[in-house]
Amino acid sequence: MKWLILWATLLFASSAYPAAPAILVMGDSLSAGYGIDARDGWVNLLGQRLRQQGYPHTVINASISGETSAGGRARLPQALQRHRPQVVVIELGANDGLRGLSLTQTRANLAAMIESAQNAGSRVLLVGIHLPPNYGPEFTGKFRALFDDLVRKYRIPYAPFLLEGVALSPGLMQADGLHPRATAQPRLLDNVWPYLEPLLQPVPLAQTPATNTGH
């Protein structure tokens, strides 16, 4: 009898206090904190800001250095099933572009990730990146356009350039010229936050139409 009471108590507690909503970040080295202490990375700083501003969300950083859109696409279904995130942040594609991979395939991979997240009931934020100018105006233009096309098609919020205000500041970039220093991480978070914060709000309940009584 005591075990039955304990089980009922735990069941009530789990239903009365649901798990905190999750934010899943699927990114590459820019979100994994390459070359710096992961605690200084913008994703970890996001968790700190959420707590400071009273949001109940937890942050799951599923970013991997060197990740491509194909890798993210392969890993996302399991991550969605495991974490059931309220929000999915997709910060991928840079390694595709830097390696000169097919832009058509990159777009297809990102589209599949967006659709998978939306079908799982998650809100999606796409985070963009610009390629270095030495890749040529035609390729870099097409690379940027594929993100714009995805945003229009799926009507999702878009942080257009993660490294805005950082990429062209040598003092904020590591020696490789590709990865930001720890001192630049708050700026990366600031570049994402205005587009992410609206997704953290509860979904408004649909208003029930008034019943026509015939009077």
Foldseek 3Di string as FASTA:
>chain_A
DVVVVVVVVVVVVCVVDPQAAEEEEEAACQQCVPPAPSCLALQVVVQVVCVVVVHRYDYDYPYYHLDALVNSLVPQVVVCVVRVHQEYEYHHHQNCLVVVHDLVVSLVSVLSNCVSQVVSNHAYEYEAAFDDCVVDPVSRVSNLVSVVVSCVVVVHHYLSHLCVVNLPDVVQPPPVSPYGDSVCRVVSNVSCVVRVVVSSDDDDDDDDDDDCPPD
